[in-house]
PDB file of N, CA and C in Angstrom:
ATOM      1  N   MET A   1     128.651 -62.021  18.638  1.00  0.00           N
ATOM      2  CA  MET A   1     128.249 -62.443  17.349  1.00  0.00           C
ATOM      3  C   MET A   1     129.501 -62.071  16.468  1.00  0.00           C
ATOM      4  N   LYS A   2     130.052 -63.069  15.720  1.00  0.00           N
ATOM      5  CA  LYS A   2     131.190 -62.828  14.817  1.00  0.00           C
ATOM      6  C   LYS A   2     130.519 -62.481  13.378  1.00  0.00           C
ATOM      7  N   VAL A   3     131.015 -61.434  12.739  1.00  0.00           N
ATOM      8  CA  VAL A   3     130.565 -61.061  11.467  1.00  0.00           C
ATOM      9  C   VAL A   3     131.613 -61.135  10.427  1.00  0.00           C
ATOM     10  N   ASN A   4     131.195 -61.766   9.218  1.00  0.00           N
ATOM     11  CA  ASN A   4     132.330 -61.958   8.214  1.00  0.00           C
ATOM     12  C   ASN A   4     132.718 -60.679   7.623  1.00  0.00           C
ATOM     13  N   GLN A   5     134.142 -60.256   7.587  1.00  0.00           N
ATOM     14  CA  GLN A   5     134.537 -59.059   7.126  1.00  0.00           C
ATOM     15  C   GLN A   5     134.734 -59.060   5.612  1.00  0.00           C
ATOM     16  N   GLY A   6     134.184 -60.002   4.867  1.00  0.00           N
ATOM     17  CA  GLY A   6     134.419 -59.899   3.580  1.00  0.00           C
ATOM     18  C   GLY A   6     133.430 -59.099   2.848  1.00  0.00           C
ATOM     19  N   PRO A   7     133.218 -59.165   1.566  1.00  0.00           N
ATOM     20  CA  PRO A   7     132.196 -58.312   0.853  1.00  0.00           C
ATOM     21  C   PRO A   7     130.789 -58.627   1.248  1.00  0.00           C
ATOM     22  N   ALA A   8     129.993 -57.814   1.103  1.00  0.00           N
ATOM     23  CA  ALA A   8     128.534 -57.884   1.372  1.00  0.00           C
ATOM     24  C   ALA A   8     127.948 -59.007   0.625  1.00  0.00           C
ATOM     25  N   PRO A   9     127.353 -60.071   1.292  1.00  0.00           N
ATOM     26  CA  PRO A   9     126.706 -61.146   0.570  1.00  0.00           C
ATOM     27  C   PRO A   9     125.436 -60.658  -0.229  1.00  0.00           C
ATOM     28  N   ALA A  10     124.918 -61.479  -1.187  1.00  0.00           N
ATOM     29  CA  ALA A  10     123.667 -61.211  -1.987  1.00  0.00           C
ATOM     30  C   ALA A  10     122.505 -61.140  -1.168  1.00  0.00           C
ATOM     31  N   SER A  11     122.480 -61.909  -0.017  1.00  0.00           N
ATOM     32  CA  SER A  11     121.470 -61.909   1.040  1.00  0.00           C
ATOM     33  C   SER A  11     121.288 -60.432   1.620  1.00  0.00           C
ATOM     34  N   LEU A  12     122.166 -59.521   1.518  1.00  0.00           N
ATOM     35  CA  LEU A  12     121.999 -58.250   2.072  1.00  0.00           C
ATOM     36  C   LEU A  12     121.338 -57.210   0.972  1.00  0.00           C
ATOM     37  N   THR A  13     120.891 -57.734  -0.188  1.00  0.00           N
ATOM     38  CA  THR A  13     120.376 -56.909  -1.215  1.00  0.00           C
ATOM     39  C   THR A  13     119.093 -56.074  -0.583  1.00  0.00           C
ATOM     40  N   PRO A  14     118.272 -56.820   0.152  1.00  0.00           N
ATOM     41  CA  PRO A  14     117.031 -55.961   0.660  1.00  0.00           C
ATOM     42  C   PRO A  14     117.603 -54.973   1.714  1.00  0.00           C
ATOM     43  N   LEU A  15     118.604 -55.241   2.464  1.00  0.00           N
ATOM     44  CA  LEU A  15     119.043 -54.073   3.326  1.00  0.00           C
ATOM     45  C   LEU A  15     119.691 -52.942   2.534  1.00  0.00           C
ATOM     46  N   LEU A  16     120.399 -53.427   1.543  1.00  0.00           N
ATOM     47  CA  LEU A  16     120.929 -52.318   0.608  1.00  0.00           C
ATOM     48  C   LEU A  16     119.905 -51.441  -0.112  1.00  0.00           C
ATOM     49  N   ASN A  17     118.669 -52.172  -0.395  1.00  0.00           N
ATOM     50  CA  ASN A  17     117.761 -51.469  -1.080  1.00  0.00           C
ATOM     51  C   ASN A  17     117.002 -50.423  -0.098  1.00  0.00           C
ATOM     52  N   ILE A  18     116.870 -50.906   1.154  1.00  0.00           N
ATOM     53  CA  ILE A  18     116.285 -49.907   2.159  1.00  0.00           C
ATOM     54  C   ILE A  18     117.251 -48.781   2.359  1.00  0.00           C
ATOM     55  N   ILE A  19     118.574 -49.035   2.380  1.00  0.00           N
ATOM     56  CA  ILE A  19     119.481 -47.841   2.544  1.00  0.00           C
ATOM     57  C   ILE A  19     119.399 -46.970   1.334  1.00  0.00           C
ATOM     58  N   SER A  20     119.300 -47.473   0.133  1.00  0.00           N
ATOM     59  CA  SER A  20     119.310 -46.715  -0.982  1.00  0.00           C
ATOM     60  C   SER A  20     117.991 -45.916  -1.306  1.00  0.00           C
ATOM     61  N   SER A  21     116.962 -46.287  -0.756  1.00  0.00           N
ATOM     62  CA  SER A  21     115.509 -45.713  -0.740  1.00  0.00           C
ATOM     63  C   SER A  21     115.244 -44.903   0.322  1.00  0.00           C
ATOM     64  N   SER A  22     116.278 -44.698   1.153  1.00  0.00           N
ATOM     65  CA  SER A  22     116.013 -43.648   2.291  1.00  0.00           C
ATOM     66  C   SER A  22     115.294 -42.477   1.992  1.00  0.00           C
ATOM     67  N   SER A  23     114.502 -42.052   2.791  1.00  0.00           N
ATOM     68  CA  SER A  23     113.627 -40.894   2.538  1.00  0.00           C
ATOM     69  C   SER A  23     114.271 -39.631   3.390  1.00  0.00           C
ATOM     70  N   ILE A  24     115.433 -39.878   3.939  1.00  0.00           N
ATOM     71  CA  ILE A  24     116.158 -38.851   4.641  1.00  0.00           C
ATOM     72  C   ILE A  24     117.015 -38.012   3.620  1.00  0.00           C
ATOM     73  N   PRO A  25     116.544 -36.904   3.203  1.00  0.00           N
ATOM     74  CA  PRO A  25     117.471 -36.289   2.137  1.00  0.00           C
ATOM     75  C   PRO A  25     118.766 -35.662   2.722  1.00  0.00           C
ATOM     76  N   GLY A  26     119.844 -35.818   1.783  1.00  0.00           N
ATOM     77  CA  GLY A  26     121.094 -35.274   2.097  1.00  0.00           C
ATOM     78  C   GLY A  26     121.926 -36.144   3.168  1.00  0.00           C
ATOM     79  N   THR A  27     121.493 -37.285   3.716  1.00  0.00           N
ATOM     80  CA  THR A  27     122.141 -37.845   4.733  1.00  0.00           C
ATOM     81  C   THR A  27     122.752 -39.260   4.221  1.00  0.00           C
ATOM     82  N   ILE A  28     122.300 -39.728   3.099  1.00  0.00           N
ATOM     83  CA  ILE A  28     122.724 -40.975   2.498  1.00  0.00           C
ATOM     84  C   ILE A  28     122.708 -41.089   1.130  1.00  0.00           C
ATOM     85  N   GLU A  29     123.586 -41.593   0.559  1.00  0.00           N
ATOM     86  CA  GLU A  29     123.513 -41.743  -1.001  1.00  0.00           C
ATOM     87  C   GLU A  29     122.327 -42.495  -1.477  1.00  0.00           C
ATOM     88  N   THR A  30     121.692 -42.088  -2.489  1.00  0.00           N
ATOM     89  CA  THR A  30     120.466 -42.680  -2.910  1.00  0.00           C
ATOM     90  C   THR A  30     120.652 -43.551  -4.204  1.00  0.00           C
ATOM     91  N   ASP A  31     122.016 -43.544  -4.706  1.00  0.00           N
ATOM     92  CA  ASP A  31     122.238 -44.451  -5.827  1.00  0.00           C
ATOM     93  C   ASP A  31     122.832 -45.733  -5.234  1.00  0.00           C
ATOM     94  N   LEU A  32     122.179 -46.812  -5.620  1.00  0.00           N
ATOM     95  CA  LEU A  32     122.575 -48.071  -5.145  1.00  0.00           C
ATOM     96  C   LEU A  32     123.950 -48.672  -5.762  1.00  0.00           C
ATOM     97  N   SER A  33     124.331 -48.002  -6.872  1.00  0.00           N
ATOM     98  CA  SER A  33     125.629 -48.413  -7.485  1.00  0.00           C
ATOM     99  C   SER A  33     126.634 -47.821  -6.586  1.00  0.00           C
ATOM    100  N   ILE A  34     126.525 -46.840  -5.861  1.00  0.00           N
ATOM    101  CA  ILE A  34     127.636 -46.310  -4.872  1.00  0.00           C
ATOM    102  C   ILE A  34     127.872 -47.265  -3.931  1.00  0.00           C
ATOM    103  N   ILE A  35     126.722 -47.907  -3.365  1.00  0.00           N
ATOM    104  CA  ILE A  35     126.922 -48.770  -2.250  1.00  0.00           C
ATOM    105  C   ILE A  35     127.569 -50.054  -2.614  1.00  0.00           C
ATOM    106  N   THR A  36     126.980 -50.537  -3.879  1.00  0.00           N
ATOM    107  CA  THR A  36     127.492 -51.956  -4.288  1.00  0.00           C
ATOM    108  C   THR A  36     128.612 -51.918  -5.138  1.00  0.00           C
ATOM    109  N   SER A  37     129.376 -50.832  -5.291  1.00  0.00           N
ATOM    110  CA  SER A  37     130.518 -50.761  -5.984  1.00  0.00           C
ATOM    111  C   SER A  37     131.508 -51.914  -5.962  1.00  0.00           C
ATOM    112  N   LYS A  38     131.845 -52.483  -7.080  1.00  0.00           N
ATOM    113  CA  LYS A  38     132.771 -53.604  -7.082  1.00  0.00           C
ATOM    114  C   LYS A  38     134.307 -53.295  -6.685  1.00  0.00           C
ATOM    115  N   GLU A  39     134.502 -51.801  -6.874  1.00  0.00           N
ATOM    116  CA  GLU A  39     135.864 -51.511  -6.412  1.00  0.00           C
ATOM    117  C   GLU A  39     136.115 -51.568  -4.869  1.00  0.00           C
ATOM    118  N   GLU A  40     135.113 -51.150  -4.152  1.00  0.00           N
ATOM    119  CA  GLU A  40     135.355 -51.092  -2.652  1.00  0.00           C
ATOM    120  C   GLU A  40     134.067 -51.646  -2.073  1.00  0.00           C
ATOM    121  N   PRO A  41     133.782 -52.830  -1.883  1.00  0.00           N
ATOM    122  CA  PRO A  41     132.577 -53.414  -1.213  1.00  0.00           C
ATOM    123  C   PRO A  41     132.544 -53.061   0.260  1.00  0.00           C
ATOM    124  N   TYR A  42     131.383 -52.828   0.630  1.00  0.00           N
ATOM    125  CA  TYR A  42     131.139 -52.613   2.069  1.00  0.00           C
ATOM    126  C   TYR A  42     130.964 -53.834   2.899  1.00  0.00           C
ATOM    127  N   THR A  43     131.340 -53.847   4.168  1.00  0.00           N
ATOM    128  CA  THR A  43     131.149 -55.095   4.908  1.00  0.00           C
ATOM    129  C   THR A  43     129.842 -54.781   5.725  1.00  0.00           C
ATOM    130  N   LEU A  44     129.293 -55.668   6.429  1.00  0.00           N
ATOM    131  CA  LEU A  44     128.138 -55.476   7.064  1.00  0.00           C
ATOM    132  C   LEU A  44     128.231 -54.447   8.167  1.00  0.00           C
ATOM    133  N   PRO A  45     129.316 -54.460   9.085  1.00  0.00           N
ATOM    134  CA  PRO A  45     129.394 -53.355  10.006  1.00  0.00           C
ATOM    135  C   PRO A  45     129.507 -51.969   9.388  1.00  0.00           C
ATOM    136  N   GLN A  46     130.113 -51.908   8.249  1.00  0.00           N
ATOM    137  CA  GLN A  46     130.241 -50.550   7.595  1.00  0.00           C
ATOM    138  C   GLN A  46     128.702 -50.220   7.107  1.00  0.00           C
ATOM    139  N   LEU A  47     127.923 -51.099   6.754  1.00  0.00           N
ATOM    140  CA  LEU A  47     126.528 -50.854   6.213  1.00  0.00           C
ATOM    141  C   LEU A  47     125.776 -50.299   7.385  1.00  0.00           C
ATOM    142  N   VAL A  48     125.992 -51.065   8.530  1.00  0.00           N
ATOM    143  CA  VAL A  48     125.169 -50.740   9.882  1.00  0.00           C
ATOM    144  C   VAL A  48     125.546 -49.299  10.232  1.00  0.00           C
ATOM    145  N   GLU A  49     126.895 -49.145  10.327  1.00  0.00           N
ATOM    146  CA  GLU A  49     127.322 -47.631  10.665  1.00  0.00           C
ATOM    147  C   GLU A  49     126.877 -46.537   9.955  1.00  0.00           C
ATOM    148  N   LYS A  50     126.817 -46.870   8.575  1.00  0.00           N
ATOM    149  CA  LYS A  50     126.240 -45.918   7.514  1.00  0.00           C
ATOM    150  C   LYS A  50     124.748 -45.525   7.861  1.00  0.00           C
ATOM    151  N   LEU A  51     124.059 -46.565   8.026  1.00  0.00           N
ATOM    152  CA  LEU A  51     122.572 -46.438   8.330  1.00  0.00           C
ATOM    153  C   LEU A  51     122.388 -45.778   9.619  1.00  0.00           C
ATOM    154  N   ASN A  52     122.951 -46.232  10.690  1.00  0.00           N
ATOM    155  CA  ASN A  52     122.919 -45.536  12.027  1.00  0.00           C
ATOM    156  C   ASN A  52     123.269 -44.063  11.990  1.00  0.00           C
ATOM    157  N   THR A  53     124.267 -43.774  11.101  1.00  0.00           N
ATOM    158  CA  THR A  53     124.539 -42.272  11.071  1.00  0.00           C
ATOM    159  C   THR A  53     123.503 -41.552  10.383  1.00  0.00           C
ATOM    160  N   ALA A  54     122.747 -42.165   9.432  1.00  0.00           N
ATOM    161  CA  ALA A  54     121.611 -41.470   8.805  1.00  0.00           C
ATOM    162  C   ALA A  54     120.420 -41.524   9.798  1.00  0.00           C
ATOM    163  N   LEU A  55     120.278 -42.405  10.644  1.00  0.00           N
ATOM    164  CA  LEU A  55     119.199 -42.411  11.551  1.00  0.00           C
ATOM    165  C   LEU A  55     119.311 -41.651  12.872  1.00  0.00           C
ATOM    166  N   PHE A  56     120.594 -41.030  12.961  1.00  0.00           N
ATOM    167  CA  PHE A  56     121.081 -40.364  14.324  1.00  0.00           C
ATOM    168  C   PHE A  56     119.910 -39.242  14.601  1.00  0.00           C
ATOM    169  N   GLU A  57     119.488 -38.454  13.692  1.00  0.00           N
ATOM    170  CA  GLU A  57     118.507 -37.410  14.013  1.00  0.00           C
ATOM    171  C   GLU A  57     117.150 -37.897  14.510  1.00  0.00           C
ATOM    172  N   SER A  58     116.774 -39.048  14.167  1.00  0.00           N
ATOM    173  CA  SER A  58     115.466 -39.637  14.479  1.00  0.00           C
ATOM    174  C   SER A  58     115.512 -40.398  15.740  1.00  0.00           C
ATOM    175  N   ASP A  59     116.622 -40.344  16.549  1.00  0.00           N
ATOM    176  CA  ASP A  59     116.787 -40.941  17.734  1.00  0.00           C
ATOM    177  C   ASP A  59     116.470 -42.574  17.786  1.00  0.00           C
ATOM    178  N   THR A  60     117.014 -43.036  16.600  1.00  0.00           N
ATOM    179  CA  THR A  60     116.824 -44.557  16.393  1.00  0.00           C
ATOM    180  C   THR A  60     118.169 -45.030  15.969  1.00  0.00           C
ATOM    181  N   HIS A  61     118.261 -46.336  16.112  1.00  0.00           N
ATOM    182  CA  HIS A  61     119.428 -47.010  15.587  1.00  0.00           C
ATOM    183  C   HIS A  61     119.145 -48.525  15.184  1.00  0.00           C
ATOM    184  N   ILE A  62     119.795 -49.084  14.298  1.00  0.00           N
ATOM    185  CA  ILE A  62     119.507 -50.566  13.953  1.00  0.00           C
ATOM    186  C   ILE A  62     120.594 -51.388  14.696  1.00  0.00           C
ATOM    187  N   GLN A  63     120.235 -52.596  14.840  1.00  0.00           N
ATOM    188  CA  GLN A  63     121.051 -53.720  15.218  1.00  0.00           C
ATOM    189  C   GLN A  63     120.841 -54.912  14.247  1.00  0.00           C
ATOM    190  N   VAL A  64     121.838 -55.564  13.986  1.00  0.00           N
ATOM    191  CA  VAL A  64     121.736 -56.756  13.000  1.00  0.00           C
ATOM    192  C   VAL A  64     122.155 -57.912  13.829  1.00  0.00           C
ATOM    193  N   LYS A  65     121.015 -58.910  13.759  1.00  0.00           N
ATOM    194  CA  LYS A  65     121.196 -60.141  14.458  1.00  0.00           C
ATOM    195  C   LYS A  65     121.068 -61.348  13.670  1.00  0.00           C
ATOM    196  N   ILE A  66     121.436 -62.313  14.142  1.00  0.00           N
ATOM    197  CA  ILE A  66     121.299 -63.719  13.422  1.00  0.00           C
ATOM    198  C   ILE A  66     120.288 -64.434  14.218  1.00  0.00           C
ATOM    199  N   HIS A  67     119.114 -65.020  13.677  1.00  0.00           N
ATOM    200  CA  HIS A  67     118.251 -65.719  14.322  1.00  0.00           C
ATOM    201  C   HIS A  67     118.775 -67.207  14.514  1.00  0.00           C
ATOM    202  N   ASP A  68     118.606 -67.576  15.708  1.00  0.00           N
ATOM    203  CA  ASP A  68     119.447 -68.886  16.178  1.00  0.00           C
ATOM    204  C   ASP A  68     118.978 -70.039  15.414  1.00  0.00           C
ATOM    205  N   LYS A  69     117.643 -70.249  15.291  1.00  0.00           N
ATOM    206  CA  LYS A  69     117.144 -71.588  14.697  1.00  0.00           C
ATOM    207  C   LYS A  69     117.302 -71.610  13.105  1.00  0.00           C
ATOM    208  N   THR A  70     117.105 -70.460  12.423  1.00  0.00           N
ATOM    209  CA  THR A  70     117.137 -70.434  11.060  1.00  0.00           C
ATOM    210  C   THR A  70     118.280 -69.776  10.463  1.00  0.00           C
ATOM    211  N   ASN A  71     119.172 -69.213  11.183  1.00  0.00           N
ATOM    212  CA  ASN A  71     120.402 -68.607  10.694  1.00  0.00           C
ATOM    213  C   ASN A  71     120.083 -67.462   9.719  1.00  0.00           C
ATOM    214  N   THR A  72     118.925 -66.845   9.892  1.00  0.00           N
ATOM    215  CA  THR A  72     118.519 -65.625   9.022  1.00  0.00           C
ATOM    216  C   THR A  72     119.070 -64.326   9.699  1.00  0.00           C
ATOM    217  N   ILE A  73     119.268 -63.409   8.700  1.00  0.00           N
ATOM    218  CA  ILE A  73     119.785 -61.984   9.136  1.00  0.00           C
ATOM    219  C   ILE A  73     118.417 -61.319   9.556  1.00  0.00           C
ATOM    220  N   MET A  74     118.464 -60.689  10.752  1.00  0.00           N
ATOM    221  CA  MET A  74     117.383 -59.870  11.185  1.00  0.00           C
ATOM    222  C   MET A  74     117.762 -58.394  11.360  1.00  0.00           C
ATOM    223  N   VAL A  75     117.047 -57.573  11.069  1.00  0.00           N
ATOM    224  CA  VAL A  75     117.397 -56.028  11.410  1.00  0.00           C
ATOM    225  C   VAL A  75     116.377 -55.548  12.472  1.00  0.00           C
ATOM    226  N   VAL A  76     117.004 -55.064  13.434  1.00  0.00           N
ATOM    227  CA  VAL A  76     116.178 -54.552  14.598  1.00  0.00           C
ATOM    228  C   VAL A  76     116.242 -53.011  14.780  1.00  0.00           C
ATOM    229  N   VAL A  77     115.159 -52.361  14.590  1.00  0.00           N
ATOM    230  CA  VAL A  77     115.164 -50.861  14.910  1.00  0.00           C
ATOM    231  C   VAL A  77     114.920 -50.516  16.312  1.00  0.00           C
ATOM    232  N   VAL A  78     115.728 -49.768  16.915  1.00  0.00           N
ATOM    233  CA  VAL A  78     115.560 -49.513  18.413  1.00  0.00           C
ATOM    234  C   VAL A  78     115.622 -48.059  18.670  1.00  0.00           C
ATOM    235  N   ASN A  79     114.753 -47.661  19.616  1.00  0.00           N
ATOM    236  CA  ASN A  79     114.772 -46.387  20.073  1.00  0.00           C
ATOM    237  C   ASN A  79     115.942 -46.010  20.961  1.00  0.00           C
ATOM    238  N   ASP A  80     116.686 -44.998  20.681  1.00  0.00           N
ATOM    239  CA  ASP A  80     117.946 -44.598  21.486  1.00  0.00           C
ATOM    240  C   ASP A  80     117.588 -44.433  22.941  1.00  0.00           C
ATOM    241  N   ASP A  81     116.470 -43.710  23.374  1.00  0.00           N
ATOM    242  CA  ASP A  81     116.351 -43.252  24.770  1.00  0.00           C
ATOM    243  C   ASP A  81     115.744 -44.403  25.543  1.00  0.00           C
ATOM    244  N   THR A  82     114.805 -45.126  25.022  1.00  0.00           N
ATOM    245  CA  THR A  82     114.154 -46.145  25.849  1.00  0.00           C
ATOM    246  C   THR A  82     114.650 -47.637  25.549  1.00  0.00           C
ATOM    247  N   GLU A  83     115.426 -47.704  24.506  1.00  0.00           N
ATOM    248  CA  GLU A  83     115.916 -49.023  24.108  1.00  0.00           C
ATOM    249  C   GLU A  83     114.702 -49.908  23.693  1.00  0.00           C
ATOM    250  N   GLU A  84     113.582 -49.455  23.314  1.00  0.00           N
ATOM    251  CA  GLU A  84     112.412 -50.188  22.965  1.00  0.00           C
ATOM    252  C   GLU A  84     112.622 -50.613  21.470  1.00  0.00           C
ATOM    253  N   VAL A  85     112.152 -51.776  21.231  1.00  0.00           N
ATOM    254  CA  VAL A  85     112.228 -52.358  19.839  1.00  0.00           C
ATOM    255  C   VAL A  85     111.083 -51.671  19.053  1.00  0.00           C
ATOM    256  N   ILE A  86     111.467 -50.931  18.184  1.00  0.00           N
ATOM    257  CA  ILE A  86     110.254 -50.296  17.270  1.00  0.00           C
ATOM    258  C   ILE A  86     109.898 -51.351  16.222  1.00  0.00           C
ATOM    259  N   ARG A  87     110.772 -52.034  15.489  1.00  0.00           N
ATOM    260  CA  ARG A  87     110.386 -52.898  14.404  1.00  0.00           C
ATOM    261  C   ARG A  87     111.540 -53.974  14.180  1.00  0.00           C
ATOM    262  N   GLU A  88     111.020 -55.228  13.996  1.00  0.00           N
ATOM    263  CA  GLU A  88     111.981 -56.245  13.559  1.00  0.00           C
ATOM    264  C   GLU A  88     111.847 -56.658  12.163  1.00  0.00           C
ATOM    265  N   ILE A  89     112.872 -56.736  11.200  1.00  0.00           N
ATOM    266  CA  ILE A  89     112.588 -57.055   9.923  1.00  0.00           C
ATOM    267  C   ILE A  89     113.567 -58.383   9.540  1.00  0.00           C
ATOM    268  N   PRO A  90     113.156 -59.407   9.336  1.00  0.00           N
ATOM    269  CA  PRO A  90     111.684 -59.979   9.595  1.00  0.00           C
ATOM    270  C   PRO A  90     111.538 -60.179  11.070  1.00  0.00           C
ATOM    271  N   SER A  91     110.216 -60.287  11.471  1.00  0.00           N
ATOM    272  CA  SER A  91     109.797 -60.378  12.790  1.00  0.00           C
ATOM    273  C   SER A  91     110.441 -61.772  13.358  1.00  0.00           C
ATOM    274  N   GLU A  92     110.856 -61.743  14.537  1.00  0.00           N
ATOM    275  CA  GLU A  92     111.353 -62.843  15.219  1.00  0.00           C
ATOM    276  C   GLU A  92     110.342 -64.063  15.438  1.00  0.00           C
ATOM    277  N   LYS A  93     109.100 -63.577  15.667  1.00  0.00           N
ATOM    278  CA  LYS A  93     107.948 -64.421  15.849  1.00  0.00           C
ATOM    279  C   LYS A  93     107.645 -65.183  14.413  1.00  0.00           C
ATOM    280  N   ILE A  94     107.730 -64.419  13.272  1.00  0.00           N
ATOM    281  CA  ILE A  94     107.526 -65.021  12.129  1.00  0.00           C
ATOM    282  C   ILE A  94     108.619 -66.139  11.722  1.00  0.00           C
ATOM    283  N   LEU A  95     109.912 -65.763  12.141  1.00  0.00           N
ATOM    284  CA  LEU A  95     111.003 -66.704  11.827  1.00  0.00           C
ATOM    285  C   LEU A  95     110.933 -67.973  12.760  1.00  0.00           C
ATOM    286  N   ASP A  96     110.378 -67.809  14.020  1.00  0.00           N
ATOM    287  CA  ASP A  96     110.190 -68.958  14.847  1.00  0.00           C
ATOM    288  C   ASP A  96     108.948 -69.794  14.293  1.00  0.00           C
ATOM    289  N   LEU A  97     107.874 -69.096  13.756  1.00  0.00           N
ATOM    290  CA  LEU A  97     106.913 -69.896  13.137  1.00  0.00           C
ATOM    291  C   LEU A  97     107.306 -70.633  11.995  1.00  0.00           C
ATOM    292  N   MET A  98     108.153 -69.948  11.127  1.00  0.00           N
ATOM    293  CA  MET A  98     108.742 -70.639   9.923  1.00  0.00           C
ATOM    294  C   MET A  98     109.494 -71.861  10.327  1.00  0.00           C
ATOM    295  N   TYR A  99     110.289 -71.777  11.272  1.00  0.00           N
ATOM    296  CA  TYR A  99     111.248 -72.757  11.790  1.00  0.00           C
ATOM    297  C   TYR A  99     110.254 -74.136  12.283  1.00  0.00           C
ATOM    298  N   ASN A 100     109.236 -73.748  13.027  1.00  0.00           N
ATOM    299  CA  ASN A 100     108.352 -74.802  13.610  1.00  0.00           C
ATOM    300  C   ASN A 100     107.558 -75.461  12.388  1.00  0.00           C
ATOM    301  N   MET A 101     107.183 -74.650  11.450  1.00  0.00           N
ATOM    302  CA  MET A 101     106.523 -75.364  10.316  1.00  0.00           C
ATOM    303  C   MET A 101     107.410 -76.238   9.585  1.00  0.00           C
ATOM    304  N   CYS A 102     108.717 -75.848   9.360  1.00  0.00           N
ATOM    305  CA  CYS A 102     109.603 -76.741   8.660  1.00  0.00           C
ATOM    306  C   CYS A 102     109.909 -78.005   9.448  1.00  0.00           C
ATOM    307  N   VAL A 103     109.916 -77.854  10.733  1.00  0.00           N
ATOM    308  CA  VAL A 103     110.285 -79.099  11.652  1.00  0.00           C
ATOM    309  C   VAL A 103     108.994 -79.968  11.579  1.00  0.00           C
ATOM    310  N   ASN A 104     107.797 -79.338  11.609  1.00  0.00           N
ATOM    311  CA  ASN A 104     106.581 -80.268  11.607  1.00  0.00           C
ATOM    312  C   ASN A 104     106.454 -80.918  10.105  1.00  0.00           C
ATOM    313  N   VAL A 105     106.898 -80.222   9.102  1.00  0.00           N
ATOM    314  CA  VAL A 105     106.699 -80.716   7.831  1.00  0.00           C
ATOM    315  C   VAL A 105     107.711 -81.966   7.664  1.00  0.00           C
ATOM    316  N   GLY A 106     108.822 -81.758   8.279  1.00  0.00           N
ATOM    317  CA  GLY A 106     109.876 -82.924   8.277  1.00  0.00           C
ATOM    318  C   GLY A 106     109.486 -84.103   8.966  1.00  0.00           C
ATOM    319  N   VAL A 107     108.705 -83.745  10.165  1.00  0.00           N
ATOM    320  CA  VAL A 107     108.206 -85.060  10.941  1.00  0.00           C
ATOM    321  C   VAL A 107     107.083 -85.771  10.063  1.00  0.00           C
ATOM    322  N   PHE A 108     106.341 -85.068   9.260  1.00  0.00           N
ATOM    323  CA  PHE A 108     105.254 -85.677   8.538  1.00  0.00           C
ATOM    324  C   PHE A 108     105.919 -86.401   7.253  1.00  0.00           C
ATOM    325  N   LEU A 109     106.902 -85.906   6.749  1.00  0.00           N
ATOM    326  CA  LEU A 109     107.559 -86.518   5.662  1.00  0.00           C
ATOM    327  C   LEU A 109     108.526 -87.624   6.014  1.00  0.00           C
ATOM    328  N   ASP A 110     109.219 -87.742   7.129  1.00  0.00           N
ATOM    329  CA  ASP A 110     110.050 -88.625   7.574  1.00  0.00           C
ATOM    330  C   ASP A 110     109.400 -89.825   8.287  1.00  0.00           C
ATOM    331  N   ARG A 111     108.133 -89.804   8.730  1.00  0.00           N
ATOM    332  CA  ARG A 111     107.456 -90.932   9.368  1.00  0.00           C
ATOM    333  C   ARG A 111     107.082 -91.814   8.416  1.00  0.00           C
ATOM    334  N   LYS A 112     107.336 -93.111   8.696  1.00  0.00           N
ATOM    335  CA  LYS A 112     106.823 -94.329   7.783  1.00  0.00           C
ATOM    336  C   LYS A 112     105.509 -94.545   8.149  1.00  0.00           C
ATOM    337  N   ILE A 113     104.662 -94.909   7.059  1.00  0.00           N
ATOM    338  CA  ILE A 113     103.200 -95.117   7.176  1.00  0.00           C
ATOM    339  C   ILE A 113     103.017 -96.583   6.930  1.00  0.00           C
TER     340      ILE A 113
END
C-alpha cells in the first residue's frame, strides 16, 4: 500500500479525534491543536506510529488499510500476541454492504423502463 507523504487530509479528522481523546494518561497529547498544527503537519504513517506507541502497554496496535471497493480508510485494531483483529473502524462488512447497496441503486436508476 502506498501512502501519500503530504499533510494529513481532512478525512483523517475522526482518527485525529480518537487520538486526541485517548484515555491513556501521559502517553499522548490531548490537545488536538498540537496534532493538527499548521507549522508541522503529521503524515499518516507518523500518526499511526504515534498511536501505536500509546497502545504499546495494552499489547495492541493499529493498522491503516484502504477498502478495495470504496477506497475508504479503515483502521484495524490488532492484538500483538495472537494477531487477532479486535475491531475494525469502520467494519469491512459494513463497507461491503454500502458498496453493494450503491451498485444496486445504480442498477435501478440506470435501467430503462
